[in-house]
Amino acid sequence: RQKGHTELYRGAEYVVDFLPKIKVEL
């Protein structure tokens, strides 16, 4: 539901679609 977010890098705006997460398996 987060659907990524928008960031600014060196004056250019870009969309970060995939966010970093951690998968824990046990």
PDB file of all heavy atoms in Angstrom:
ATOM      1  N   ARG A   1       0.818  -1.209   0.000  1.00  0.00           N
ATOM      2  CA  ARG A   1       0.000   0.000   0.000  1.00  0.00           C
ATOM      3  C   ARG A   1       0.850   1.255   0.000  1.00  0.00           C
ATOM      4  O   ARG A   1       0.399   2.325  -0.364  1.00  0.00           O
ATOM      5  CB  ARG A   1      -0.916   0.009   1.217  1.00  0.00           C
ATOM      6  CG  ARG A   1      -1.997  -1.028   1.121  1.00  0.00           C
ATOM      7  CD  ARG A   1      -2.968  -0.915   2.249  1.00  0.00           C
ATOM      8  NE  ARG A   1      -3.980  -1.936   2.128  1.00  0.00           N
ATOM      9  CZ  ARG A   1      -4.695  -2.369   3.127  1.00  0.00           C
ATOM     10  NH1 ARG A   1      -4.520  -1.868   4.325  1.00  0.00           N
ATOM     11  NH2 ARG A   1      -5.598  -3.301   2.937  1.00  0.00           N
ATOM     12  N   GLN A   2       2.105   1.113   0.419  1.00  0.00           N
ATOM     13  CA  GLN A   2       3.026   2.252   0.463  1.00  0.00           C
ATOM     14  C   GLN A   2       3.251   2.845  -0.927  1.00  0.00           C
ATOM     15  O   GLN A   2       3.412   4.032  -1.090  1.00  0.00           O
ATOM     16  CB  GLN A   2       4.371   1.777   1.022  1.00  0.00           C
ATOM     17  CG  GLN A   2       4.851   2.573   2.184  1.00  0.00           C
ATOM     18  CD  GLN A   2       6.109   1.950   2.765  1.00  0.00           C
ATOM     19  OE1 GLN A   2       6.368   0.765   2.671  1.00  0.00           O
ATOM     20  NE2 GLN A   2       6.902   2.776   3.375  1.00  0.00           N
ATOM     21  N   LYS A   3       3.324   1.990  -1.923  1.00  0.00           N
ATOM     22  CA  LYS A   3       3.468   2.361  -3.334  1.00  0.00           C
ATOM     23  C   LYS A   3       4.672   3.248  -3.643  1.00  0.00           C
ATOM     24  O   LYS A   3       4.652   4.023  -4.573  1.00  0.00           O
ATOM     25  CB  LYS A   3       2.194   3.032  -3.831  1.00  0.00           C
ATOM     26  CG  LYS A   3       1.004   2.098  -3.797  1.00  0.00           C
ATOM     27  CD  LYS A   3      -0.079   2.582  -4.701  1.00  0.00           C
ATOM     28  CE  LYS A   3      -1.228   1.655  -4.819  1.00  0.00           C
ATOM     29  NZ  LYS A   3      -1.824   1.109  -3.658  1.00  0.00           N
ATOM     30  N   GLY A   4       5.728   3.163  -2.867  1.00  0.00           N
ATOM     31  CA  GLY A   4       6.932   3.935  -3.151  1.00  0.00           C
ATOM     32  C   GLY A   4       6.786   5.397  -2.787  1.00  0.00           C
ATOM     33  O   GLY A   4       5.832   5.808  -2.138  1.00  0.00           O
ATOM     34  N   HIS A   5       7.753   6.187  -3.219  1.00  0.00           N
ATOM     35  CA  HIS A   5       7.729   7.609  -2.938  1.00  0.00           C
ATOM     36  C   HIS A   5       8.607   8.353  -3.939  1.00  0.00           C
ATOM     37  O   HIS A   5       9.329   7.745  -4.719  1.00  0.00           O
ATOM     38  CB  HIS A   5       8.194   7.883  -1.499  1.00  0.00           C
ATOM     39  CG  HIS A   5       9.596   7.435  -1.231  1.00  0.00           C
ATOM     40  ND1 HIS A   5       9.897   6.143  -0.878  1.00  0.00           N
ATOM     41  CD2 HIS A   5      10.773   8.102  -1.276  1.00  0.00           C
ATOM     42  CE1 HIS A   5      11.218   6.041  -0.711  1.00  0.00           C
ATOM     43  NE2 HIS A   5      11.764   7.210  -0.951  1.00  0.00           N
ATOM     44  N   THR A   6       8.550   9.685  -3.920  1.00  0.00           N
ATOM     45  CA  THR A   6       9.331  10.519  -4.831  1.00  0.00           C
ATOM     46  C   THR A   6      10.525  11.089  -4.084  1.00  0.00           C
ATOM     47  O   THR A   6      10.410  11.488  -2.940  1.00  0.00           O
ATOM     48  CB  THR A   6       8.464  11.678  -5.364  1.00  0.00           C
ATOM     49  OG1 THR A   6       7.252  11.120  -5.879  1.00  0.00           O
ATOM     50  CG2 THR A   6       9.157  12.416  -6.470  1.00  0.00           C
ATOM     51  N   GLU A   7      11.681  11.104  -4.752  1.00  0.00           N
ATOM     52  CA  GLU A   7      12.888  11.676  -4.167  1.00  0.00           C
ATOM     53  C   GLU A   7      13.513  12.663  -5.135  1.00  0.00           C
ATOM     54  O   GLU A   7      13.252  12.621  -6.334  1.00  0.00           O
ATOM     55  CB  GLU A   7      13.900  10.577  -3.826  1.00  0.00           C
ATOM     56  CG  GLU A   7      13.498   9.734  -2.651  1.00  0.00           C
ATOM     57  CD  GLU A   7      14.605   8.797  -2.193  1.00  0.00           C
ATOM     58  OE1 GLU A   7      15.736   8.883  -2.728  1.00  0.00           O
ATOM     59  OE2 GLU A   7      14.343   7.977  -1.312  1.00  0.00           O
ATOM     60  N   LEU A   8      14.354  13.524  -4.594  1.00  0.00           N
ATOM     61  CA  LEU A   8      15.094  14.476  -5.408  1.00  0.00           C
ATOM     62  C   LEU A   8      16.571  14.111  -5.386  1.00  0.00           C
ATOM     63  O   LEU A   8      17.131  13.865  -4.312  1.00  0.00           O
ATOM     64  CB  LEU A   8      14.932  15.900  -4.839  1.00  0.00           C
ATOM     65  CG  LEU A   8      14.171  16.832  -5.773  1.00  0.00           C
ATOM     66  CD1 LEU A   8      12.868  17.185  -5.126  1.00  0.00           C
ATOM     67  CD2 LEU A   8      14.994  18.032  -6.060  1.00  0.00           C
ATOM     68  N   TYR A   9      17.208  14.051  -6.547  1.00  0.00           N
ATOM     69  CA  TYR A   9      18.634  13.766  -6.626  1.00  0.00           C
ATOM     70  C   TYR A   9      19.251  14.716  -7.639  1.00  0.00           C
ATOM     71  O   TYR A   9      18.887  14.703  -8.817  1.00  0.00           O
ATOM     72  CB  TYR A   9      18.870  12.307  -7.043  1.00  0.00           C
ATOM     73  CG  TYR A   9      20.329  11.955  -7.166  1.00  0.00           C
ATOM     74  CD1 TYR A   9      21.127  11.837  -6.038  1.00  0.00           C
ATOM     75  CD2 TYR A   9      20.907  11.760  -8.417  1.00  0.00           C
ATOM     76  CE1 TYR A   9      22.465  11.519  -6.153  1.00  0.00           C
ATOM     77  CE2 TYR A   9      22.245  11.442  -8.540  1.00  0.00           C
ATOM     78  CZ  TYR A   9      23.020  11.318  -7.401  1.00  0.00           C
ATOM     79  OH  TYR A   9      24.348  11.004  -7.516  1.00  0.00           O
ATOM     80  N   ARG A  10      20.150  15.580  -7.173  1.00  0.00           N
ATOM     81  CA  ARG A  10      20.820  16.573  -8.013  1.00  0.00           C
ATOM     82  C   ARG A  10      19.824  17.392  -8.833  1.00  0.00           C
ATOM     83  O   ARG A  10      19.993  17.596 -10.039  1.00  0.00           O
ATOM     84  CB  ARG A  10      21.846  15.916  -8.924  1.00  0.00           C
ATOM     85  CG  ARG A  10      22.971  15.287  -8.140  1.00  0.00           C
ATOM     86  CD  ARG A  10      24.063  14.803  -9.050  1.00  0.00           C
ATOM     87  NE  ARG A  10      25.141  14.251  -8.251  1.00  0.00           N
ATOM     88  CZ  ARG A  10      26.309  13.934  -8.719  1.00  0.00           C
ATOM     89  NH1 ARG A  10      26.583  14.122  -9.986  1.00  0.00           N
ATOM     90  NH2 ARG A  10      27.232  13.436  -7.942  1.00  0.00           N
ATOM     91  N   GLY A  11      18.762  17.775  -8.168  1.00  0.00           N
ATOM     92  CA  GLY A  11      17.771  18.631  -8.803  1.00  0.00           C
ATOM     93  C   GLY A  11      16.738  17.910  -9.642  1.00  0.00           C
ATOM     94  O   GLY A  11      15.781  18.519 -10.104  1.00  0.00           O
ATOM     95  N   ALA A  12      16.934  16.625  -9.861  1.00  0.00           N
ATOM     96  CA  ALA A  12      15.980  15.865 -10.664  1.00  0.00           C
ATOM     97  C   ALA A  12      15.075  15.040  -9.743  1.00  0.00           C
ATOM     98  O   ALA A  12      15.552  14.418  -8.795  1.00  0.00           O
ATOM     99  CB  ALA A  12      16.713  14.944 -11.629  1.00  0.00           C
ATOM    100  N   GLU A  13      13.812  15.053 -10.037  1.00  0.00           N
ATOM    101  CA  GLU A  13      12.857  14.282  -9.249  1.00  0.00           C
ATOM    102  C   GLU A  13      12.686  12.905  -9.883  1.00  0.00           C
ATOM    103  O   GLU A  13      12.580  12.780 -11.095  1.00  0.00           O
ATOM    104  CB  GLU A  13      11.521  15.024  -9.221  1.00  0.00           C
ATOM    105  CG  GLU A  13      10.555  14.501  -8.194  1.00  0.00           C
ATOM    106  CD  GLU A  13       9.305  15.355  -8.117  1.00  0.00           C
ATOM    107  OE1 GLU A  13       9.305  16.362  -7.407  1.00  0.00           O
ATOM    108  OE2 GLU A  13       8.331  14.972  -8.802  1.00  0.00           O
ATOM    109  N   TYR A  14      12.683  11.863  -9.055  1.00  0.00           N
ATOM    110  CA  TYR A  14      12.450  10.519  -9.577  1.00  0.00           C
ATOM    111  C   TYR A  14      11.631   9.723  -8.567  1.00  0.00           C
ATOM    112  O   TYR A  14      11.600  10.033  -7.383  1.00  0.00           O
ATOM    113  CB  TYR A  14      13.763   9.811  -9.924  1.00  0.00           C
ATOM    114  CG  TYR A  14      14.650   9.513  -8.743  1.00  0.00           C
ATOM    115  CD1 TYR A  14      14.672   8.239  -8.173  1.00  0.00           C
ATOM    116  CD2 TYR A  14      15.472  10.489  -8.185  1.00  0.00           C
ATOM    117  CE1 TYR A  14      15.474   7.964  -7.090  1.00  0.00           C
ATOM    118  CE2 TYR A  14      16.279  10.208  -7.102  1.00  0.00           C
ATOM    119  CZ  TYR A  14      16.282   8.947  -6.561  1.00  0.00           C
ATOM    120  OH  TYR A  14      17.078   8.668  -5.479  1.00  0.00           O
ATOM    121  N   VAL A  15      10.969   8.684  -9.076  1.00  0.00           N
ATOM    122  CA  VAL A  15      10.088   7.870  -8.246  1.00  0.00           C
ATOM    123  C   VAL A  15      10.814   6.598  -7.835  1.00  0.00           C
ATOM    124  O   VAL A  15      11.415   5.921  -8.669  1.00  0.00           O
ATOM    125  CB  VAL A  15       8.800   7.510  -9.017  1.00  0.00           C
ATOM    126  CG1 VAL A  15       7.907   6.596  -8.194  1.00  0.00           C
ATOM    127  CG2 VAL A  15       8.055   8.770  -9.411  1.00  0.00           C
ATOM    128  N   VAL A  16      10.763   6.301  -6.550  1.00  0.00           N
ATOM    129  CA  VAL A  16      11.294   5.048  -6.027  1.00  0.00           C
ATOM    130  C   VAL A  16      10.099   4.118  -5.848  1.00  0.00           C
ATOM    131  O   VAL A  16       9.316   4.274  -4.918  1.00  0.00           O
ATOM    132  CB  VAL A  16      12.028   5.270  -4.685  1.00  0.00           C
ATOM    133  CG1 VAL A  16      12.527   3.949  -4.124  1.00  0.00           C
ATOM    134  CG2 VAL A  16      13.174   6.253  -4.850  1.00  0.00           C
ATOM    135  N   ASP A  17       9.932   3.183  -6.811  1.00  0.00           N
ATOM    136  CA  ASP A  17       8.784   2.276  -6.768  1.00  0.00           C
ATOM    137  C   ASP A  17       8.969   1.161  -5.751  1.00  0.00           C
ATOM    138  O   ASP A  17       8.045   0.788  -5.049  1.00  0.00           O
ATOM    139  CB  ASP A  17       8.550   1.638  -8.137  1.00  0.00           C
ATOM    140  CG  ASP A  17       8.000   2.636  -9.148  1.00  0.00           C
ATOM    141  OD1 ASP A  17       7.319   3.580  -8.722  1.00  0.00           O
ATOM    142  OD2 ASP A  17       8.269   2.464 -10.338  1.00  0.00           O
ATOM    143  N   PHE A  18      10.161   0.601  -5.697  1.00  0.00           N
ATOM    144  CA  PHE A  18      10.432  -0.524  -4.818  1.00  0.00           C
ATOM    145  C   PHE A  18      11.234  -0.044  -3.619  1.00  0.00           C
ATOM    146  O   PHE A  18      12.323   0.501  -3.774  1.00  0.00           O
ATOM    147  CB  PHE A  18      11.191  -1.619  -5.565  1.00  0.00           C
ATOM    148  CG  PHE A  18      10.368  -2.256  -6.643  1.00  0.00           C
ATOM    149  CD1 PHE A  18      10.487  -1.849  -7.966  1.00  0.00           C
ATOM    150  CD2 PHE A  18       9.462  -3.248  -6.332  1.00  0.00           C
ATOM    151  CE1 PHE A  18       9.722  -2.425  -8.951  1.00  0.00           C
ATOM    152  CE2 PHE A  18       8.678  -3.834  -7.318  1.00  0.00           C
ATOM    153  CZ  PHE A  18       8.813  -3.424  -8.631  1.00  0.00           C
ATOM    154  N   LEU A  19      10.695  -0.291  -2.437  1.00  0.00           N
ATOM    155  CA  LEU A  19      11.333   0.157  -1.209  1.00  0.00           C
ATOM    156  C   LEU A  19      12.164  -0.969  -0.600  1.00  0.00           C
ATOM    157  O   LEU A  19      11.794  -2.143  -0.686  1.00  0.00           O
ATOM    158  CB  LEU A  19      10.263   0.609  -0.214  1.00  0.00           C
ATOM    159  CG  LEU A  19       9.387   1.752  -0.727  1.00  0.00           C
ATOM    160  CD1 LEU A  19       8.203   1.945   0.184  1.00  0.00           C
ATOM    161  CD2 LEU A  19      10.193   3.026  -0.835  1.00  0.00           C
ATOM    162  N   PRO A  20      13.291  -0.632   0.031  1.00  0.00           N
ATOM    163  CA  PRO A  20      14.113  -1.678   0.657  1.00  0.00           C
ATOM    164  C   PRO A  20      13.399  -2.285   1.860  1.00  0.00           C
ATOM    165  O   PRO A  20      12.831  -1.568   2.683  1.00  0.00           O
ATOM    166  CB  PRO A  20      15.378  -0.939   1.072  1.00  0.00           C
ATOM    167  CG  PRO A  20      14.995   0.491   1.154  1.00  0.00           C
ATOM    168  CD  PRO A  20      13.871   0.695   0.199  1.00  0.00           C
ATOM    169  N   LYS A  21      13.409  -3.600   1.924  1.00  0.00           N
ATOM    170  CA  LYS A  21      12.808  -4.352   3.024  1.00  0.00           C
ATOM    171  C   LYS A  21      13.750  -5.490   3.404  1.00  0.00           C
ATOM    172  O   LYS A  21      14.709  -5.775   2.697  1.00  0.00           O
ATOM    173  CB  LYS A  21      11.449  -4.947   2.618  1.00  0.00           C
ATOM    174  CG  LYS A  21      10.405  -3.936   2.188  1.00  0.00           C
ATOM    175  CD  LYS A  21       9.877  -3.157   3.350  1.00  0.00           C
ATOM    176  CE  LYS A  21       8.779  -2.201   2.900  1.00  0.00           C
ATOM    177  NZ  LYS A  21       8.238  -1.447   3.993  1.00  0.00           N
ATOM    178  N   ILE A  22      13.443  -6.140   4.498  1.00  0.00           N
ATOM    179  CA  ILE A  22      14.183  -7.323   4.937  1.00  0.00           C
ATOM    180  C   ILE A  22      13.205  -8.482   5.014  1.00  0.00           C
ATOM    181  O   ILE A  22      12.110  -8.342   5.557  1.00  0.00           O
ATOM    182  CB  ILE A  22      14.815  -7.094   6.331  1.00  0.00           C
ATOM    183  CG1 ILE A  22      15.868  -5.996   6.293  1.00  0.00           C
ATOM    184  CG2 ILE A  22      15.400  -8.395   6.892  1.00  0.00           C
ATOM    185  CD1 ILE A  22      17.127  -6.339   5.545  1.00  0.00           C
ATOM    186  N   LYS A  23      13.611  -9.640   4.469  1.00  0.00           N
ATOM    187  CA  LYS A  23      12.798 -10.848   4.607  1.00  0.00           C
ATOM    188  C   LYS A  23      13.493 -11.769   5.596  1.00  0.00           C
ATOM    189  O   LYS A  23      14.647 -12.141   5.413  1.00  0.00           O
ATOM    190  CB  LYS A  23      12.618 -11.567   3.267  1.00  0.00           C
ATOM    191  CG  LYS A  23      11.788 -12.841   3.422  1.00  0.00           C
ATOM    192  CD  LYS A  23      11.242 -13.397   2.119  1.00  0.00           C
ATOM    193  CE  LYS A  23      12.297 -13.897   1.206  1.00  0.00           C
ATOM    194  NZ  LYS A  23      11.740 -14.670   0.069  1.00  0.00           N
ATOM    195  N   VAL A  24      12.772 -12.104   6.662  1.00  0.00           N
ATOM    196  CA  VAL A  24      13.272 -13.018   7.693  1.00  0.00           C
ATOM    197  C   VAL A  24      12.531 -14.337   7.516  1.00  0.00           C
ATOM    198  O   VAL A  24      11.302 -14.349   7.459  1.00  0.00           O
ATOM    199  CB  VAL A  24      13.010 -12.444   9.103  1.00  0.00           C
ATOM    200  CG1 VAL A  24      13.488 -13.411  10.175  1.00  0.00           C
ATOM    201  CG2 VAL A  24      13.676 -11.088   9.266  1.00  0.00           C
ATOM    202  N   GLU A  25      13.287 -15.435   7.415  1.00  0.00           N
ATOM    203  CA  GLU A  25      12.679 -16.756   7.242  1.00  0.00           C
ATOM    204  C   GLU A  25      13.132 -17.670   8.367  1.00  0.00           C
ATOM    205  O   GLU A  25      14.316 -17.680   8.718  1.00  0.00           O
ATOM    206  CB  GLU A  25      13.105 -17.369   5.910  1.00  0.00           C
ATOM    207  CG  GLU A  25      12.677 -16.571   4.699  1.00  0.00           C
ATOM    208  CD  GLU A  25      13.267 -17.116   3.415  1.00  0.00           C
ATOM    209  OE1 GLU A  25      14.403 -16.742   3.093  1.00  0.00           O
ATOM    210  OE2 GLU A  25      12.589 -17.934   2.768  1.00  0.00           O
ATOM    211  N   LEU A  26      12.191 -18.433   8.925  1.00  0.00           N
ATOM    212  CA  LEU A  26      12.546 -19.398   9.952  1.00  0.00           C
ATOM    213  C   LEU A  26      11.615 -20.600   9.884  1.00  0.00           C
ATOM    214  O   LEU A  26      10.461 -20.478   9.504  1.00  0.00           O
ATOM    215  CB  LEU A  26      12.530 -18.771  11.347  1.00  0.00           C
ATOM    216  CG  LEU A  26      11.280 -18.043  11.797  1.00  0.00           C
ATOM    217  CD1 LEU A  26      11.050 -18.314  13.268  1.00  0.00           C
ATOM    218  CD2 LEU A  26      11.466 -16.559  11.588  1.00  0.00           C
TER     219      LEU A  26
END
